[in-house]
Amino acid sequence: MNDPVHVIGASGRSGAALCRVLGGRAVPVVRDAAKWAALGIPAHPARVADLTSPETLRAALADATLVVNCAHARHAGDILAAGPVAARYVFLGSTRRFSRWADAHGDGVKAGEAALLSSGRSGVILHPTMIYGAQGEDNVQRLAALMRRLPLLPLPGGGHNLVQPIHQSDLTRAILSALAGHGQGAIVVAGPQAVPYREFCAAIARAAGFTPRPVLPIPAGLLIAASPLTLLPGLPRIRPEEIRRLTEDKAFDIAPMRAILGIDPISLDAGLRATFSPTGD
């Protein structure tokens, strides 16, 4: 299938990664044409639309047969209302919809999922775990920058809760598979296995070229209270909600990802090597 793909949020990290792979098939749908142009990605001319403006969104999607939304999933209802009924839709959600810590982000993802499931349209909402490895991402890069400045790594509960991050390349492959007609409804996409957060941090340090920091177990409440200190110059900002999410396991069954989308994700070590390599994407 070589149909054009309308990519909403094309100038974001996952949107740009997808457009780099799609090349001339990509039809970027963006709010800021100048920001898109600065990326220098070969594609169809950008279409400017505001997700809160049905008229501009309807015009941008008028001829779409394949639509990917890399903006927040809370806009799914508006996109489905504006887009062609016969089009195939792929939305990016988040596994934050499963968190016990309710927040606007997770609630918006739930609303987007509900909009797709109730629409009767052909489509998938992919719920990725933490995404790393995209150009300009600030998950593992920010954590590496923080660890370089610390002799000890303070982690709630000693960092034993599980994480299962997914490399951007695997997320892009999952999107392409969903566009090709594989799957319907909601599918979690994640790395091959969950690891304790402390091991995740150690793997980042090794990939970034420095010695893993000893872990200092500390109560989550104390870390949350100290989080304003990360506003100091030279320290990456750590938000209280990020600390809270470190106190719950984020481990997911990826059998549907493998069986339906045909994606066997790369290992964490391989993904981190690519992320910190001078030629990593």
Protein backbone atom coordinates (compact mmCIF):
# COMPACT_ATOMS: atom_id res chain seq x y z
CA MET A 1 0.00 0.00 0.00
CA ASN A 2 1.44 3.34 -1.06
CA ASP A 3 -1.44 5.69 -0.24
CA PRO A 4 -0.53 9.03 1.32
CA VAL A 5 -0.65 9.10 5.11
CA HIS A 6 -2.01 12.21 6.82
CA VAL A 7 0.10 12.61 9.98
CA ILE A 8 -1.44 14.89 12.58
CA GLY A 9 1.22 16.27 14.91
CA ALA A 10 3.95 15.61 12.34
CA SER A 11 6.40 18.02 13.97
CA GLY A 12 6.38 16.17 17.30
CA ARG A 13 8.93 13.46 18.09
CA SER A 14 6.88 10.41 17.13
CA GLY A 15 5.23 12.23 14.23
CA ALA A 16 8.57 13.32 12.80
CA ALA A 17 10.03 9.82 13.24
CA LEU A 18 7.10 8.39 11.30
CA CYS A 19 7.38 11.00 8.54
CA ARG A 20 11.10 10.26 8.11
CA VAL A 21 10.18 6.65 7.37
CA LEU A 22 7.17 7.49 5.19
CA GLY A 23 9.11 10.02 3.12
CA GLY A 24 7.01 11.21 0.18
CA ARG A 25 3.93 9.39 1.46
CA ALA A 26 3.65 11.69 4.48
CA VAL A 27 1.08 14.49 4.43
CA PRO A 28 2.00 16.54 7.52
CA VAL A 29 -0.90 18.14 9.35
CA VAL A 30 0.53 20.69 11.76
CA ARG A 31 -0.35 23.77 13.74
CA ASP A 32 2.94 25.54 13.05
CA ALA A 33 4.18 25.30 9.45
CA ALA A 34 7.49 26.98 10.28
CA LYS A 35 8.29 24.42 12.99
CA TRP A 36 7.59 21.62 10.53
CA ALA A 37 9.68 23.21 7.78
CA ALA A 38 12.64 23.53 10.16
CA LEU A 39 12.82 19.73 10.41
CA GLY A 40 13.70 19.42 6.72
CA ILE A 41 11.79 16.17 6.20
CA PRO A 42 10.83 15.45 2.57
CA ALA A 43 7.06 15.08 2.38
CA HIS A 44 3.92 16.51 0.84
CA PRO A 45 3.36 20.22 1.52
CA ALA A 46 2.25 20.79 5.11
CA ARG A 47 -1.40 21.38 5.86
CA VAL A 48 -2.07 23.77 8.71
CA ALA A 49 -4.90 22.84 11.06
CA ASP A 50 -5.91 23.49 14.64
CA LEU A 51 -7.36 20.46 16.41
CA THR A 52 -9.83 22.74 18.16
CA SER A 53 -11.02 24.17 14.80
CA PRO A 54 -13.30 21.69 13.01
CA GLU A 55 -13.22 23.71 9.79
CA THR A 56 -9.43 23.65 9.39
CA LEU A 57 -9.24 20.01 10.45
CA ARG A 58 -11.97 19.00 8.00
CA ALA A 59 -10.18 20.77 5.17
CA ALA A 60 -6.83 19.16 6.03
CA LEU A 61 -8.31 15.64 6.08
CA ALA A 62 -10.79 15.97 3.22
CA ASP A 63 -8.95 13.56 0.90
CA ALA A 64 -7.44 11.29 3.56
CA THR A 65 -7.54 7.51 3.35
CA LEU A 66 -4.97 6.84 6.09
CA VAL A 67 -4.75 9.06 9.17
CA VAL A 68 -2.28 8.89 12.08
CA ASN A 69 -2.76 11.12 15.10
CA CYS A 70 0.49 11.72 16.98
CA ALA A 71 -1.03 14.59 18.96
CA HIS A 72 -2.82 13.88 22.25
CA ALA A 73 -5.44 11.15 22.00
CA ARG A 74 -8.03 13.35 23.66
CA HIS A 75 -8.60 14.85 20.21
CA ALA A 76 -9.71 11.51 18.74
CA GLY A 77 -13.40 12.39 18.76
CA ASP A 78 -12.83 15.66 16.90
CA ILE A 79 -10.56 13.96 14.36
CA LEU A 80 -13.07 11.20 13.69
CA ALA A 81 -15.82 13.79 13.29
CA ALA A 82 -13.76 15.79 10.80
CA GLY A 83 -12.18 12.95 8.83
CA PRO A 84 -13.64 10.75 6.08
CA VAL A 85 -15.79 7.87 7.26
CA ALA A 86 -14.00 5.36 5.03
CA ALA A 87 -10.48 6.26 6.19
CA ARG A 88 -8.29 4.04 8.38
CA TYR A 89 -7.23 5.72 11.65
CA VAL A 90 -4.30 5.11 13.99
CA PHE A 91 -4.14 7.04 17.26
CA LEU A 92 -1.28 7.21 19.75
CA GLY A 93 -2.52 6.82 23.28
CA SER A 94 -0.47 5.98 26.37
CA THR A 95 -0.26 3.31 29.04
CA ARG A 96 -0.89 6.15 31.47
CA ARG A 97 -4.54 5.30 30.90
CA PHE A 98 -3.88 2.29 33.20
CA SER A 99 -2.20 4.27 36.00
CA ARG A 100 -3.76 4.33 39.43
CA TRP A 101 -2.71 7.98 39.63
CA ALA A 102 -5.52 9.74 37.81
CA ASP A 103 -4.54 12.82 35.82
CA ALA A 104 -5.77 14.86 32.87
CA HIS A 105 -3.36 13.16 30.47
CA GLY A 106 -4.55 9.65 31.30
CA ASP A 107 -8.19 10.71 31.36
CA GLY A 108 -7.79 12.26 27.92
CA VAL A 109 -6.35 9.01 26.57
CA LYS A 110 -9.30 7.08 27.99
CA ALA A 111 -11.68 9.51 26.31
CA GLY A 112 -9.87 9.13 22.99
CA GLU A 113 -9.99 5.35 23.22
CA ALA A 114 -13.70 5.45 23.99
CA ALA A 115 -14.30 7.74 21.00
CA LEU A 116 -12.61 5.30 18.63
CA LEU A 117 -14.24 2.19 20.07
CA SER A 118 -17.71 3.71 19.85
CA SER A 119 -17.23 5.19 16.38
CA GLY A 120 -17.47 2.05 14.29
CA ARG A 121 -14.52 3.31 12.21
CA SER A 122 -11.62 1.21 11.01
CA GLY A 123 -8.74 1.93 13.33
CA VAL A 124 -6.42 1.24 16.23
CA ILE A 125 -5.30 3.18 19.26
CA LEU A 126 -1.80 2.16 20.26
CA HIS A 127 -0.91 2.59 23.92
CA PRO A 128 2.89 2.89 24.15
CA THR A 129 4.85 2.74 27.37
CA MET A 130 7.69 5.22 27.89
CA ILE A 131 9.08 6.04 24.43
CA TYR A 132 12.81 6.54 24.01
CA GLY A 133 15.22 6.81 21.12
CA ALA A 134 13.52 9.50 19.02
CA GLN A 135 15.50 12.52 17.88
CA GLY A 136 15.17 15.12 20.63
CA GLU A 137 13.47 12.84 23.16
CA ASP A 138 13.94 13.79 26.78
CA ASN A 139 13.27 10.58 28.67
CA VAL A 140 16.54 8.65 28.80
CA GLN A 141 18.61 11.67 27.75
CA ARG A 142 17.27 13.74 30.62
CA LEU A 143 17.79 10.88 33.08
CA ALA A 144 21.36 10.42 31.88
CA ALA A 145 22.00 14.14 32.34
CA LEU A 146 20.66 13.98 35.89
CA MET A 147 22.68 10.90 36.85
CA ARG A 148 25.90 12.47 35.59
CA ARG A 149 25.47 15.15 38.26
CA LEU A 150 24.62 12.84 41.15
CA PRO A 151 26.98 10.63 43.20
CA LEU A 152 23.97 8.60 44.37
CA LEU A 153 20.64 7.96 42.66
CA PRO A 154 17.70 8.53 45.05
CA LEU A 155 14.80 6.31 44.01
CA PRO A 156 11.46 5.68 45.72
CA GLY A 157 11.47 2.24 47.28
CA GLY A 158 14.95 1.63 45.92
CA GLY A 159 13.72 1.60 42.31
CA HIS A 160 12.28 -1.92 42.34
CA ASN A 161 9.08 -1.07 40.47
CA LEU A 162 8.96 -2.26 36.87
CA VAL A 163 9.17 -0.31 33.62
CA GLN A 164 8.97 -1.58 30.03
CA PRO A 165 10.07 1.23 27.69
CA ILE A 166 9.69 0.98 23.92
CA HIS A 167 12.18 2.24 21.35
CA GLN A 168 10.85 4.77 18.87
CA SER A 169 11.72 2.51 15.93
CA ASP A 170 9.42 -0.21 17.28
CA LEU A 171 6.60 2.27 17.82
CA THR A 172 7.01 3.49 14.24
CA ARG A 173 6.88 -0.09 12.97
CA ALA A 174 3.74 -0.69 15.02
CA ILE A 175 2.08 2.38 13.48
CA LEU A 176 2.95 1.19 9.97
CA SER A 177 1.54 -2.25 10.72
CA ALA A 178 -1.68 -0.76 12.04
CA LEU A 179 -1.94 1.45 8.95
CA ALA A 180 -1.66 -1.67 6.81
CA GLY A 181 -4.91 -2.92 8.34
CA HIS A 182 -3.63 -5.05 11.20
CA GLY A 183 -5.70 -4.79 14.36
CA GLN A 184 -8.79 -3.02 15.56
CA GLY A 185 -9.43 -1.30 18.87
CA ALA A 186 -6.76 -0.82 21.56
CA ILE A 187 -3.31 -2.48 21.62
CA VAL A 188 -0.50 -1.93 24.13
CA VAL A 189 2.95 -1.56 22.59
CA ALA A 190 6.01 -1.95 24.82
CA GLY A 191 9.53 -3.28 25.04
CA PRO A 192 10.25 -7.03 25.15
CA GLN A 193 10.37 -7.30 28.93
CA ALA A 194 9.81 -5.30 32.08
CA VAL A 195 12.83 -4.44 34.24
CA PRO A 196 13.18 -2.79 37.65
CA TYR A 197 13.63 0.95 37.31
CA ARG A 198 17.03 0.76 39.01
CA GLU A 199 18.24 -1.64 36.30
CA PHE A 200 16.82 0.67 33.64
CA CYS A 201 18.86 3.53 35.10
CA ALA A 202 22.00 1.40 35.23
CA ALA A 203 21.55 0.38 31.58
CA ILE A 204 21.20 4.06 30.60
CA ALA A 205 24.39 4.94 32.44
CA ARG A 206 26.36 2.17 30.74
CA ALA A 207 25.04 3.14 27.30
CA ALA A 208 25.87 6.79 27.97
CA GLY A 209 29.42 5.88 28.93
CA PHE A 210 29.60 6.35 32.69
CA THR A 211 29.43 4.15 35.77
CA PRO A 212 25.94 3.37 37.11
CA ARG A 213 25.22 5.31 40.28
CA PRO A 214 24.57 3.49 43.58
CA VAL A 215 20.89 3.58 44.42
CA LEU A 216 19.74 5.36 47.57
CA PRO A 217 16.28 4.11 48.64
CA ILE A 218 14.15 7.02 49.77
CA PRO A 219 10.43 7.51 50.50
CA ALA A 220 8.46 8.82 47.53
CA GLY A 221 6.96 11.59 49.66
CA LEU A 222 10.38 12.96 50.47
CA LEU A 223 11.39 12.94 46.80
CA ILE A 224 8.18 14.73 45.86
CA ALA A 225 8.85 17.36 48.49
CA ALA A 226 12.36 17.84 47.09
CA SER A 227 11.27 17.95 43.43
CA PRO A 228 11.22 21.79 43.32
CA LEU A 229 15.02 21.65 43.74
CA THR A 230 15.24 20.26 40.19
CA LEU A 231 14.31 23.74 39.00
CA LEU A 232 17.83 24.83 39.90
CA PRO A 233 20.11 25.71 36.95
CA GLY A 234 21.90 22.72 35.46
CA LEU A 235 19.48 20.10 36.80
CA PRO A 236 16.83 18.49 34.59
CA ARG A 237 13.35 19.09 35.95
CA ILE A 238 11.65 16.15 37.67
CA ARG A 239 7.92 16.60 38.26
CA PRO A 240 6.04 15.21 41.30
CA GLU A 241 3.71 13.18 39.08
CA GLU A 242 6.71 11.46 37.52
CA ILE A 243 7.91 10.40 40.96
CA ARG A 244 4.46 9.05 41.87
CA ARG A 245 4.37 6.91 38.74
CA LEU A 246 7.68 5.35 39.76
CA THR A 247 5.88 3.72 42.67
CA GLU A 248 3.71 1.49 40.45
CA ASP A 249 4.68 -1.36 38.15
CA LYS A 250 4.37 -0.64 34.44
CA ALA A 251 4.61 -4.15 33.01
CA PHE A 252 2.42 -5.23 30.10
CA ASP A 253 1.59 -8.29 28.04
CA ILE A 254 2.82 -7.70 24.49
CA ALA A 255 1.49 -10.93 23.01
CA PRO A 256 -1.16 -8.95 21.04
CA MET A 257 1.55 -6.61 19.75
CA ARG A 258 3.51 -9.59 18.46
CA ALA A 259 0.55 -11.60 17.16
CA ILE A 260 -1.59 -8.82 15.65
CA LEU A 261 0.97 -6.23 14.59
CA GLY A 262 3.82 -8.65 13.93
CA ILE A 263 6.28 -6.55 15.95
CA ASP A 264 9.04 -8.24 17.97
CA PRO A 265 10.60 -5.29 19.85
CA ILE A 266 14.33 -4.79 20.20
CA SER A 267 16.03 -5.29 23.55
CA LEU A 268 16.58 -2.42 25.95
CA ASP A 269 20.36 -2.70 25.60
CA ALA A 270 20.16 -2.55 21.80
CA GLY A 271 17.79 0.39 21.92
CA LEU A 272 19.98 2.32 24.33
CA ARG A 273 23.08 1.64 22.25
CA ALA A 274 21.30 3.14 19.25
CA THR A 275 20.08 6.08 21.34
CA PHE A 276 23.52 7.07 22.60
CA SER A 277 25.45 6.17 19.47
CA PRO A 278 26.64 9.13 17.37
CA THR A 279 24.71 7.59 14.47
CA GLY A 280 21.71 6.56 16.58
CA ASP A 281 18.29 7.73 15.36
